[in-house]
């Protein structure tokens, strides 16, 4: 076994939920499905890590990927301020 002293070890993820905890959302009791399939994608209500991971994934794939008018106005003002500071002369055009 090789030991590496400069490498940090990764913590194991521990997500304990008691057997009869009602934190998970209930589905149709008459549905014939596997118990593991039902709880695979549904995080606990007290599992903040899973909720944070889901929120990060949703914010990465936003629908408003275009440039907003406010952002374009701010960029334009910054460009004009930089040109003013550098004494750019528009008469050369």
PDB file of N, CA and C in Angstrom:
ATOM      1  N   UNK A   1       0.838  -1.180   0.000  1.00  0.00           N
ATOM      2  CA  UNK A   1       0.000   0.000   0.000  1.00  0.00           C
ATOM      3  C   UNK A   1       0.882   1.242   0.000  1.00  0.00           C
ATOM      4  N   UNK A   2       0.640   2.120  -0.945  1.00  0.00           N
ATOM      5  CA  UNK A   2       1.421   3.347  -1.035  1.00  0.00           C
ATOM      6  C   UNK A   2       0.768   4.434  -0.202  1.00  0.00           C
ATOM      7  N   UNK A   3       1.585   5.167   0.507  1.00  0.00           N
ATOM      8  CA  UNK A   3       1.091   6.283   1.298  1.00  0.00           C
ATOM      9  C   UNK A   3       1.512   7.583   0.636  1.00  0.00           C
ATOM     10  N   UNK A   4       0.602   8.479   0.555  1.00  0.00           N
ATOM     11  CA  UNK A   4       0.890   9.789  -0.002  1.00  0.00           C
ATOM     12  C   UNK A   4       0.572  10.820   1.073  1.00  0.00           C
ATOM     13  N   UNK A   5       1.593  11.541   1.500  1.00  0.00           N
ATOM     14  CA  UNK A   5       1.407  12.478   2.602  1.00  0.00           C
ATOM     15  C   UNK A   5       0.900  13.843   2.146  1.00  0.00           C
ATOM     16  N   UNK A   6       1.034  14.157   0.871  1.00  0.00           N
ATOM     17  CA  UNK A   6       0.590  15.461   0.404  1.00  0.00           C
ATOM     18  C   UNK A   6      -0.809  15.430  -0.201  1.00  0.00           C
ATOM     19  N   UNK A   7      -1.470  14.303  -0.177  1.00  0.00           N
ATOM     20  CA  UNK A   7      -2.800  14.186  -0.759  1.00  0.00           C
ATOM     21  C   UNK A   7      -3.842  14.125   0.351  1.00  0.00           C
ATOM     22  N   UNK A   8      -4.861  14.989   0.251  1.00  0.00           N
ATOM     23  CA  UNK A   8      -5.929  14.956   1.237  1.00  0.00           C
ATOM     24  C   UNK A   8      -6.889  13.821   0.908  1.00  0.00           C
ATOM     25  N   UNK A   9      -7.400  13.201   1.951  1.00  0.00           N
ATOM     26  CA  UNK A   9      -8.362  12.139   1.704  1.00  0.00           C
ATOM     27  C   UNK A   9      -9.754  12.743   1.551  1.00  0.00           C
ATOM     28  N   UNK A  10     -10.563  12.119   0.730  1.00  0.00           N
ATOM     29  CA  UNK A  10     -11.930  12.586   0.502  1.00  0.00           C
ATOM     30  C   UNK A  10     -12.845  12.022   1.571  1.00  0.00           C
ATOM     31  N   UNK A  11     -13.723  12.866   2.069  1.00  0.00           N
ATOM     32  CA  UNK A  11     -14.703  12.400   3.037  1.00  0.00           C
ATOM     33  C   UNK A  11     -15.779  11.605   2.321  1.00  0.00           C
ATOM     34  N   UNK A  12     -16.232  10.559   2.972  1.00  0.00           N
ATOM     35  CA  UNK A  12     -17.323   9.775   2.411  1.00  0.00           C
ATOM     36  C   UNK A  12     -18.635  10.494   2.691  1.00  0.00           C
ATOM     37  N   UNK A  13     -19.536  10.406   1.753  1.00  0.00           N
ATOM     38  CA  UNK A  13     -20.830  11.068   1.911  1.00  0.00           C
ATOM     39  C   UNK A  13     -21.714  10.195   2.788  1.00  0.00           C
ATOM     40  N   UNK A  14     -22.269  10.788   3.828  1.00  0.00           N
ATOM     41  CA  UNK A  14     -23.118  10.059   4.755  1.00  0.00           C
ATOM     42  C   UNK A  14     -24.456  10.761   4.819  1.00  0.00           C
ATOM     43  N   UNK A  15     -25.472  10.091   4.347  1.00  0.00           N
ATOM     44  CA  UNK A  15     -26.805  10.675   4.307  1.00  0.00           C
ATOM     45  C   UNK A  15     -27.750   9.691   4.989  1.00  0.00           C
ATOM     46  N   UNK A  16     -27.868   9.810   6.300  1.00  0.00           N
ATOM     47  CA  UNK A  16     -28.698   8.891   7.059  1.00  0.00           C
ATOM     48  C   UNK A  16     -30.104   9.440   7.183  1.00  0.00           C
ATOM     49  N   UNK A  17     -31.061   8.601   6.904  1.00  0.00           N
ATOM     50  CA  UNK A  17     -32.462   8.925   7.131  1.00  0.00           C
ATOM     51  C   UNK A  17     -33.092   7.735   7.849  1.00  0.00           C
ATOM     52  N   UNK A  18     -33.776   7.965   8.944  1.00  0.00           N
ATOM     53  CA  UNK A  18     -34.413   6.847   9.645  1.00  0.00           C
ATOM     54  C   UNK A  18     -35.438   6.141   8.763  1.00  0.00           C
ATOM     55  N   UNK A  19     -35.706   4.907   9.086  1.00  0.00           N
ATOM     56  CA  UNK A  19     -36.562   4.081   8.240  1.00  0.00           C
ATOM     57  C   UNK A  19     -37.976   4.627   8.130  1.00  0.00           C
ATOM     58  N   UNK A  20     -38.531   5.078   9.220  1.00  0.00           N
ATOM     59  CA  UNK A  20     -39.923   5.527   9.209  1.00  0.00           C
ATOM     60  C   UNK A  20     -40.032   7.047   9.176  1.00  0.00           C
ATOM     61  N   UNK A  21     -39.017   7.716   8.678  1.00  0.00           N
ATOM     62  CA  UNK A  21     -39.035   9.177   8.576  1.00  0.00           C
ATOM     63  C   UNK A  21     -39.965   9.582   7.442  1.00  0.00           C
ATOM     64  N   UNK A  22     -40.827  10.559   7.685  1.00  0.00           N
ATOM     65  CA  UNK A  22     -41.796  10.992   6.684  1.00  0.00           C
ATOM     66  C   UNK A  22     -41.306  12.208   5.902  1.00  0.00           C
ATOM     67  N   UNK A  23     -40.005  12.367   5.765  1.00  0.00           N
ATOM     68  CA  UNK A  23     -39.463  13.517   5.058  1.00  0.00           C
ATOM     69  C   UNK A  23     -39.578  13.385   3.559  1.00  0.00           C
ATOM     70  N   UNK A  24     -39.613  12.180   3.058  1.00  0.00           N
ATOM     71  CA  UNK A  24     -39.736  12.002   1.618  1.00  0.00           C
ATOM     72  C   UNK A  24     -41.195  12.158   1.220  1.00  0.00           C
ATOM     73  N   UNK A  25     -41.391  12.668   0.045  1.00  0.00           N
ATOM     74  CA  UNK A  25     -42.762  12.886  -0.408  1.00  0.00           C
ATOM     75  C   UNK A  25     -43.414  11.550  -0.740  1.00  0.00           C
ATOM     76  N   UNK A  26     -44.641  11.441  -0.355  1.00  0.00           N
ATOM     77  CA  UNK A  26     -45.374  10.200  -0.594  1.00  0.00           C
ATOM     78  C   UNK A  26     -45.928  10.188  -2.014  1.00  0.00           C
ATOM     79  N   UNK A  27     -45.918   9.025  -2.619  1.00  0.00           N
ATOM     80  CA  UNK A  27     -46.490   8.862  -3.948  1.00  0.00           C
ATOM     81  C   UNK A  27     -47.731   7.990  -3.827  1.00  0.00           C
ATOM     82  N   UNK A  28     -48.251   7.551  -4.924  1.00  0.00           N
ATOM     83  CA  UNK A  28     -49.439   6.711  -4.939  1.00  0.00           C
ATOM     84  C   UNK A  28     -49.124   5.378  -4.253  1.00  0.00           C
ATOM     85  N   UNK A  29     -49.844   4.999  -3.192  1.00  0.00           N
ATOM     86  CA  UNK A  29     -49.529   3.740  -2.507  1.00  0.00           C
ATOM     87  C   UNK A  29     -49.901   2.505  -3.323  1.00  0.00           C
ATOM     88  N   UNK A  30     -50.707   2.668  -4.354  1.00  0.00           N
ATOM     89  CA  UNK A  30     -51.121   1.526  -5.156  1.00  0.00           C
ATOM     90  C   UNK A  30     -50.262   1.336  -6.395  1.00  0.00           C
ATOM     91  N   UNK A  31     -49.260   2.159  -6.562  1.00  0.00           N
ATOM     92  CA  UNK A  31     -48.377   2.027  -7.725  1.00  0.00           C
ATOM     93  C   UNK A  31     -47.406   0.876  -7.472  1.00  0.00           C
ATOM     94  N   UNK A  32     -47.254   0.007  -8.457  1.00  0.00           N
ATOM     95  CA  UNK A  32     -46.349  -1.128  -8.336  1.00  0.00           C
ATOM     96  C   UNK A  32     -45.007  -0.742  -8.937  1.00  0.00           C
ATOM     97  N   UNK A  33     -44.130  -0.268  -8.099  1.00  0.00           N
ATOM     98  CA  UNK A  33     -42.801   0.106  -8.564  1.00  0.00           C
ATOM     99  C   UNK A  33     -41.788  -0.308  -7.502  1.00  0.00           C
ATOM    100  N   UNK A  34     -40.565  -0.333  -7.909  1.00  0.00           N
ATOM    101  CA  UNK A  34     -39.500  -0.730  -7.016  1.00  0.00           C
ATOM    102  C   UNK A  34     -39.250   0.378  -5.994  1.00  0.00           C
ATOM    103  N   UNK A  35     -38.977  -0.007  -4.753  1.00  0.00           N
ATOM    104  CA  UNK A  35     -38.737   0.974  -3.703  1.00  0.00           C
ATOM    105  C   UNK A  35     -37.491   1.790  -3.985  1.00  0.00           C
ATOM    106  N   UNK A  36     -36.463   1.140  -4.510  1.00  0.00           N
ATOM    107  CA  UNK A  36     -35.217   1.856  -4.780  1.00  0.00           C
ATOM    108  C   UNK A  36     -35.385   2.842  -5.922  1.00  0.00           C
ATOM    109  N   UNK A  37     -36.188   2.510  -6.908  1.00  0.00           N
ATOM    110  CA  UNK A  37     -36.427   3.438  -8.014  1.00  0.00           C
ATOM    111  C   UNK A  37     -37.177   4.677  -7.531  1.00  0.00           C
ATOM    112  N   UNK A  38     -38.063   4.500  -6.576  1.00  0.00           N
ATOM    113  CA  UNK A  38     -38.860   5.627  -6.104  1.00  0.00           C
ATOM    114  C   UNK A  38     -37.984   6.648  -5.384  1.00  0.00           C
ATOM    115  N   UNK A  39     -37.004   6.188  -4.625  1.00  0.00           N
ATOM    116  CA  UNK A  39     -36.187   7.097  -3.830  1.00  0.00           C
ATOM    117  C   UNK A  39     -34.859   7.439  -4.491  1.00  0.00           C
ATOM    118  N   UNK A  40     -34.641   7.035  -5.716  1.00  0.00           N
ATOM    119  CA  UNK A  40     -33.349   7.273  -6.352  1.00  0.00           C
ATOM    120  C   UNK A  40     -33.129   8.753  -6.653  1.00  0.00           C
ATOM    121  N   UNK A  41     -34.093   9.420  -7.266  1.00  0.00           N
ATOM    122  CA  UNK A  41     -33.911  10.803  -7.694  1.00  0.00           C
ATOM    123  C   UNK A  41     -34.510  11.818  -6.730  1.00  0.00           C
ATOM    124  N   UNK A  42     -35.229  11.362  -5.728  1.00  0.00           N
ATOM    125  CA  UNK A  42     -35.926  12.274  -4.839  1.00  0.00           C
ATOM    126  C   UNK A  42     -35.083  12.502  -3.578  1.00  0.00           C
ATOM    127  N   UNK A  43     -34.540  13.703  -3.375  1.00  0.00           N
ATOM    128  CA  UNK A  43     -33.736  13.934  -2.167  1.00  0.00           C
ATOM    129  C   UNK A  43     -34.626  14.105  -0.940  1.00  0.00           C
ATOM    130  N   UNK A  44     -34.039  13.878   0.215  1.00  0.00           N
ATOM    131  CA  UNK A  44     -34.761  14.120   1.457  1.00  0.00           C
ATOM    132  C   UNK A  44     -35.025  15.603   1.607  1.00  0.00           C
ATOM    133  N   UNK A  45     -36.015  15.935   2.413  1.00  0.00           N
ATOM    134  CA  UNK A  45     -36.261  17.349   2.683  1.00  0.00           C
ATOM    135  C   UNK A  45     -35.159  17.936   3.553  1.00  0.00           C
ATOM    136  N   UNK A  46     -34.462  17.097   4.320  1.00  0.00           N
ATOM    137  CA  UNK A  46     -33.398  17.600   5.179  1.00  0.00           C
ATOM    138  C   UNK A  46     -32.019  17.434   4.546  1.00  0.00           C
ATOM    139  N   UNK A  47     -31.934  16.996   3.317  1.00  0.00           N
ATOM    140  CA  UNK A  47     -30.654  16.826   2.632  1.00  0.00           C
ATOM    141  C   UNK A  47     -30.349  18.098   1.848  1.00  0.00           C
ATOM    142  N   UNK A  48     -29.685  19.041   2.513  1.00  0.00           N
ATOM    143  CA  UNK A  48     -29.432  20.339   1.891  1.00  0.00           C
ATOM    144  C   UNK A  48     -28.403  20.232   0.775  1.00  0.00           C
ATOM    145  N   UNK A  49     -27.518  19.247   0.852  1.00  0.00           N
ATOM    146  CA  UNK A  49     -26.523  19.079  -0.205  1.00  0.00           C
ATOM    147  C   UNK A  49     -27.161  18.747  -1.538  1.00  0.00           C
ATOM    148  N   UNK A  50     -28.153  17.875  -1.518  1.00  0.00           N
ATOM    149  CA  UNK A  50     -28.833  17.506  -2.764  1.00  0.00           C
ATOM    150  C   UNK A  50     -29.652  18.672  -3.303  1.00  0.00           C
ATOM    151  N   UNK A  51     -30.286  19.421  -2.417  1.00  0.00           N
ATOM    152  CA  UNK A  51     -31.048  20.588  -2.874  1.00  0.00           C
ATOM    153  C   UNK A  51     -30.115  21.638  -3.470  1.00  0.00           C
ATOM    154  N   UNK A  52     -28.942  21.829  -2.862  1.00  0.00           N
ATOM    155  CA  UNK A  52     -27.967  22.791  -3.374  1.00  0.00           C
ATOM    156  C   UNK A  52     -27.438  22.336  -4.729  1.00  0.00           C
ATOM    157  N   UNK A  53     -27.169  21.043  -4.871  1.00  0.00           N
ATOM    158  CA  UNK A  53     -26.666  20.499  -6.138  1.00  0.00           C
ATOM    159  C   UNK A  53     -27.708  20.677  -7.245  1.00  0.00           C
ATOM    160  N   UNK A  54     -28.971  20.441  -6.916  1.00  0.00           N
ATOM    161  CA  UNK A  54     -30.042  20.600  -7.902  1.00  0.00           C
ATOM    162  C   UNK A  54     -30.215  22.068  -8.300  1.00  0.00           C
ATOM    163  N   UNK A  55     -30.111  22.972  -7.330  1.00  0.00           N
ATOM    164  CA  UNK A  55     -30.232  24.401  -7.638  1.00  0.00           C
ATOM    165  C   UNK A  55     -29.065  24.873  -8.497  1.00  0.00           C
ATOM    166  N   UNK A  56     -27.863  24.352  -8.242  1.00  0.00           N
ATOM    167  CA  UNK A  56     -26.710  24.727  -9.067  1.00  0.00           C
ATOM    168  C   UNK A  56     -26.879  24.236 -10.490  1.00  0.00           C
ATOM    169  N   UNK A  57     -27.381  23.024 -10.657  1.00  0.00           N
ATOM    170  CA  UNK A  57     -27.605  22.505 -12.008  1.00  0.00           C
ATOM    171  C   UNK A  57     -28.671  23.307 -12.742  1.00  0.00           C
ATOM    172  N   UNK A  58     -29.707  23.742 -12.033  1.00  0.00           N
ATOM    173  CA  UNK A  58     -30.744  24.536 -12.682  1.00  0.00           C
ATOM    174  C   UNK A  58     -30.223  25.915 -13.065  1.00  0.00           C
ATOM    175  N   UNK A  59     -29.345  26.496 -12.238  1.00  0.00           N
ATOM    176  CA  UNK A  59     -28.837  27.831 -12.561  1.00  0.00           C
ATOM    177  C   UNK A  59     -27.809  27.783 -13.681  1.00  0.00           C
ATOM    178  N   UNK A  60     -27.158  26.653 -13.871  1.00  0.00           N
ATOM    179  CA  UNK A  60     -26.193  26.532 -14.966  1.00  0.00           C
ATOM    180  C   UNK A  60     -26.890  26.462 -16.314  1.00  0.00           C
ATOM    181  N   UNK A  61     -28.080  25.941 -16.345  1.00  0.00           N
ATOM    182  CA  UNK A  61     -28.796  25.740 -17.603  1.00  0.00           C
ATOM    183  C   UNK A  61     -29.970  26.703 -17.713  1.00  0.00           C
ATOM    184  N   UNK A  62     -29.701  27.973 -17.522  1.00  0.00           N
ATOM    185  CA  UNK A  62     -30.774  28.958 -17.579  1.00  0.00           C
ATOM    186  C   UNK A  62     -31.205  29.199 -19.011  1.00  0.00           C
ATOM    187  N   UNK A  63     -32.422  29.662 -19.168  1.00  0.00           N
ATOM    188  CA  UNK A  63     -32.939  29.927 -20.500  1.00  0.00           C
ATOM    189  C   UNK A  63     -32.579  31.308 -21.026  1.00  0.00           C
ATOM    190  N   UNK A  64     -32.219  32.235 -20.136  1.00  0.00           N
ATOM    191  CA  UNK A  64     -31.920  33.598 -20.580  1.00  0.00           C
ATOM    192  C   UNK A  64     -30.416  33.734 -20.835  1.00  0.00           C
ATOM    193  N   UNK A  65     -29.967  33.144 -21.911  1.00  0.00           N
ATOM    194  CA  UNK A  65     -28.542  33.153 -22.210  1.00  0.00           C
ATOM    195  C   UNK A  65     -28.123  34.379 -23.011  1.00  0.00           C
ATOM    196  N   UNK A  66     -29.063  35.191 -23.446  1.00  0.00           N
ATOM    197  CA  UNK A  66     -28.740  36.365 -24.249  1.00  0.00           C
ATOM    198  C   UNK A  66     -28.195  37.502 -23.405  1.00  0.00           C
ATOM    199  N   UNK A  67     -27.676  38.520 -24.079  1.00  0.00           N
ATOM    200  CA  UNK A  67     -27.166  39.696 -23.385  1.00  0.00           C
ATOM    201  C   UNK A  67     -28.322  40.623 -23.034  1.00  0.00           C
ATOM    202  N   UNK A  68     -28.321  41.077 -21.820  1.00  0.00           N
ATOM    203  CA  UNK A  68     -29.383  41.985 -21.402  1.00  0.00           C
ATOM    204  C   UNK A  68     -29.037  43.407 -21.838  1.00  0.00           C
ATOM    205  N   UNK A  69     -30.036  44.249 -22.045  1.00  0.00           N
ATOM    206  CA  UNK A  69     -29.770  45.646 -22.439  1.00  0.00           C
ATOM    207  C   UNK A  69     -28.979  46.413 -21.377  1.00  0.00           C
ATOM    208  N   UNK A  70     -29.205  46.102 -20.111  1.00  0.00           N
ATOM    209  CA  UNK A  70     -28.465  46.774 -19.048  1.00  0.00           C
ATOM    210  C   UNK A  70     -26.980  46.441 -19.124  1.00  0.00           C
ATOM    211  N   UNK A  71     -26.668  45.184 -19.396  1.00  0.00           N
ATOM    212  CA  UNK A  71     -25.271  44.779 -19.520  1.00  0.00           C
ATOM    213  C   UNK A  71     -24.609  45.472 -20.703  1.00  0.00           C
ATOM    214  N   UNK A  72     -25.308  45.572 -21.826  1.00  0.00           N
ATOM    215  CA  UNK A  72     -24.753  46.265 -22.991  1.00  0.00           C
ATOM    216  C   UNK A  72     -24.528  47.748 -22.699  1.00  0.00           C
ATOM    217  N   UNK A  73     -25.434  48.367 -21.947  1.00  0.00           N
ATOM    218  CA  UNK A  73     -25.276  49.776 -21.607  1.00  0.00           C
ATOM    219  C   UNK A  73     -24.073  49.985 -20.683  1.00  0.00           C
ATOM    220  N   UNK A  74     -23.893  49.104 -19.725  1.00  0.00           N
ATOM    221  CA  UNK A  74     -22.752  49.215 -18.809  1.00  0.00           C
ATOM    222  C   UNK A  74     -21.444  49.029 -19.560  1.00  0.00           C
ATOM    223  N   UNK A  75     -21.387  48.059 -20.461  1.00  0.00           N
ATOM    224  CA  UNK A  75     -20.175  47.835 -21.257  1.00  0.00           C
ATOM    225  C   UNK A  75     -19.887  49.048 -22.132  1.00  0.00           C
ATOM    226  N   UNK A  76     -20.918  49.623 -22.736  1.00  0.00           N
ATOM    227  CA  UNK A  76     -20.733  50.816 -23.561  1.00  0.00           C
ATOM    228  C   UNK A  76     -20.199  51.996 -22.762  1.00  0.00           C
ATOM    229  N   UNK A  77     -20.749  52.210 -21.563  1.00  0.00           N
ATOM    230  CA  UNK A  77     -20.262  53.303 -20.720  1.00  0.00           C
ATOM    231  C   UNK A  77     -18.814  53.088 -20.300  1.00  0.00           C
ATOM    232  N   UNK A  78     -18.451  51.857 -19.983  1.00  0.00           N
ATOM    233  CA  UNK A  78     -17.067  51.569 -19.606  1.00  0.00           C
ATOM    234  C   UNK A  78     -16.114  51.782 -20.774  1.00  0.00           C
ATOM    235  N   UNK A  79     -16.534  51.411 -21.976  1.00  0.00           N
ATOM    236  CA  UNK A  79     -15.691  51.626 -23.161  1.00  0.00           C
ATOM    237  C   UNK A  79     -15.517  53.116 -23.414  1.00  0.00           C
ATOM    238  N   UNK A  80     -16.593  53.888 -23.316  1.00  0.00           N
ATOM    239  CA  UNK A  80     -16.492  55.337 -23.509  1.00  0.00           C
ATOM    240  C   UNK A  80     -15.627  55.992 -22.436  1.00  0.00           C
ATOM    241  N   UNK A  81     -15.738  55.527 -21.193  1.00  0.00           N
ATOM    242  CA  UNK A  81     -14.900  56.074 -20.124  1.00  0.00           C
ATOM    243  C   UNK A  81     -13.430  55.749 -20.373  1.00  0.00           C
ATOM    244  N   UNK A  82     -13.143  54.532 -20.847  1.00  0.00           N
ATOM    245  CA  UNK A  82     -11.758  54.162 -21.146  1.00  0.00           C
ATOM    246  C   UNK A  82     -11.222  54.991 -22.305  1.00  0.00           C
ATOM    247  N   UNK A  83     -12.039  55.239 -23.324  1.00  0.00           N
ATOM    248  CA  UNK A  83     -11.597  56.063 -24.449  1.00  0.00           C
ATOM    249  C   UNK A  83     -11.367  57.511 -24.018  1.00  0.00           C
ATOM    250  N   UNK A  84     -12.176  58.011 -23.097  1.00  0.00           N
ATOM    251  CA  UNK A  84     -11.992  59.376 -22.603  1.00  0.00           C
ATOM    252  C   UNK A  84     -10.696  59.494 -21.802  1.00  0.00           C
ATOM    253  N   UNK A  85     -10.426  58.479 -20.970  1.00  0.00           N
ATOM    254  CA  UNK A  85      -9.209  58.499 -20.160  1.00  0.00           C
ATOM    255  C   UNK A  85      -7.978  58.402 -21.051  1.00  0.00           C
ATOM    256  N   UNK A  86      -8.053  57.651 -22.120  1.00  0.00           N
ATOM    257  CA  UNK A  86      -6.914  57.482 -23.025  1.00  0.00           C
ATOM    258  C   UNK A  86      -6.818  58.598 -24.059  1.00  0.00           C
ATOM    259  N   UNK A  87      -7.667  59.600 -23.983  1.00  0.00           N
ATOM    260  CA  UNK A  87      -7.695  60.735 -24.921  1.00  0.00           C
ATOM    261  C   UNK A  87      -7.800  60.273 -26.366  1.00  0.00           C
ATOM    262  N   UNK A  88      -8.755  59.408 -26.620  1.00  0.00           N
ATOM    263  CA  UNK A  88      -8.960  58.907 -27.975  1.00  0.00           C
ATOM    264  C   UNK A  88      -9.668  59.978 -28.791  1.00  0.00           C
ATOM    265  N   UNK A  89      -9.131  60.270 -29.948  1.00  0.00           N
ATOM    266  CA  UNK A  89      -9.681  61.317 -30.802  1.00  0.00           C
ATOM    267  C   UNK A  89     -10.524  60.674 -31.900  1.00  0.00           C
ATOM    268  N   UNK A  90     -11.806  61.001 -31.955  1.00  0.00           N
ATOM    269  CA  UNK A  90     -12.694  60.416 -32.954  1.00  0.00           C
ATOM    270  C   UNK A  90     -12.574  61.102 -34.312  1.00  0.00           C
ATOM    271  N   UNK A  91     -11.801  62.175 -34.405  1.00  0.00           N
ATOM    272  CA  UNK A  91     -11.682  62.890 -35.673  1.00  0.00           C
ATOM    273  C   UNK A  91     -10.831  62.136 -36.694  1.00  0.00           C
ATOM    274  N   UNK A  92     -10.169  61.061 -36.289  1.00  0.00           N
ATOM    275  CA  UNK A  92      -9.358  60.308 -37.253  1.00  0.00           C
ATOM    276  C   UNK A  92     -10.241  59.476 -38.174  1.00  0.00           C
ATOM    277  N   UNK A  93     -11.503  59.319 -37.827  1.00  0.00           N
ATOM    278  CA  UNK A  93     -12.401  58.546 -38.686  1.00  0.00           C
ATOM    279  C   UNK A  93     -13.005  59.475 -39.667  1.00  0.00           C
TER     280      UNK A  93
END
